[in-house]
Protein backbone atom coordinates (compact mmCIF):
# COMPACT_ATOMS: atom_id res chain seq x y z
CA MET A 1 17.25 -6.67 2.32
CA ALA A 2 16.05 -5.98 5.64
CA GLU A 3 13.44 -8.24 7.68
CA PRO A 4 9.84 -7.01 7.76
CA VAL A 5 8.72 -6.04 11.15
CA PHE A 6 5.80 -8.35 12.20
CA VAL A 7 2.83 -6.18 14.04
CA THR A 8 -0.78 -7.31 15.21
CA ALA A 9 -3.63 -4.95 15.69
CA HIS A 10 -5.89 -6.28 18.63
CA LEU A 11 -9.43 -4.95 17.94
CA ASN A 12 -11.79 -5.42 20.66
CA THR A 13 -14.75 -6.71 18.42
CA PHE A 14 -16.50 -9.65 18.35
CA ILE A 15 -17.31 -10.04 14.47
CA SER A 16 -16.61 -12.75 12.60
CA PRO A 17 -13.47 -13.97 10.55
CA ILE A 18 -15.56 -13.26 7.19
CA ASP A 19 -16.09 -9.38 8.57
CA ARG A 20 -12.92 -9.38 9.78
CA GLY A 21 -11.61 -9.88 6.51
CA GLU A 22 -14.17 -7.70 4.60
CA ILE A 23 -14.59 -4.42 7.66
CA PHE A 24 -10.74 -4.43 8.58
CA ALA A 25 -7.97 -7.04 6.97
CA GLU A 26 -8.98 -5.74 3.34
CA PRO A 27 -9.26 -2.78 3.68
CA LEU A 28 -5.99 -2.06 5.66
CA ASP A 29 -4.17 -4.45 3.35
CA ALA A 30 -5.26 -1.92 0.00
CA VAL A 31 -4.32 1.22 1.48
CA LEU A 32 -0.55 -0.04 2.83
CA GLU A 33 -0.09 -1.77 -0.67
CA ALA A 34 -1.25 1.53 -2.70
CA GLU A 35 1.23 3.82 -0.37
CA GLY A 36 4.03 0.89 -0.32
CA LEU A 37 3.49 0.84 3.49
CA GLY A 38 3.23 -3.30 3.88
CA GLU A 39 1.11 -5.90 3.61
CA VAL A 40 -1.61 -7.56 6.08
CA THR A 41 0.01 -11.65 5.95
CA GLY A 42 -3.33 -12.49 8.07
CA GLY A 43 -5.37 -12.83 11.16
CA GLY A 44 -7.45 -14.69 13.77
CA SER A 45 -9.92 -14.57 16.80
CA LEU A 46 -10.23 -14.87 19.85
CA MET A 47 -13.00 -17.87 20.98
CA SER A 48 -14.64 -18.71 24.49
CA GLN A 49 -14.83 -22.31 25.66
CA ASP A 50 -18.69 -21.14 25.19
CA GLY A 51 -17.74 -20.27 20.70
CA GLU A 52 -18.19 -16.65 21.67
CA ILE A 53 -15.97 -14.07 19.78
CA LEU A 54 -13.63 -12.24 22.43
CA HIS A 55 -11.41 -10.20 20.22
CA VAL A 56 -9.87 -10.73 17.02
CA ASP A 57 -6.49 -9.33 15.16
CA VAL A 58 -5.09 -8.82 11.61
CA GLU A 59 -1.34 -9.77 11.45
CA ILE A 60 0.84 -7.03 9.50
CA ALA A 61 4.13 -7.10 7.76
CA LEU A 62 6.31 -4.06 7.19
CA PRO A 63 9.10 -2.94 5.52
CA MET A 64 9.82 -0.44 8.36
CA LEU A 65 8.44 -0.01 11.24
CA SER A 66 7.42 3.91 11.75
CA GLU A 67 5.71 6.54 14.15
CA ALA A 68 3.75 7.51 10.81
CA THR A 69 3.17 4.08 9.60
CA LEU A 70 1.30 2.32 12.89
CA ASP A 71 -0.70 6.14 12.76
CA ARG A 72 -1.70 5.21 9.09
CA ILE A 73 -2.95 1.74 9.92
CA VAL A 74 -4.51 3.03 13.04
CA THR A 75 -6.64 5.77 11.67
CA VAL A 76 -7.65 2.88 8.51
CA LEU A 77 -8.50 0.29 11.03
CA GLU A 78 -10.30 3.00 12.71
């Protein structure tokens, strides 16, 4: 079995970690798993020294990298 390919979706938004999960990670994971394209493996938030969220990331594992899969990820996240 091949090693998964890990990609990170960098989202230029200022939402809380809980909202990141509900708005982006959970729906994306549901689509990826249902379509056999991969799974969301985590995420994170970059915060300023003042505690403001600057952007969020969603980490994704794919069994193989393809333009079609990346396009699907973008469509779901948009």
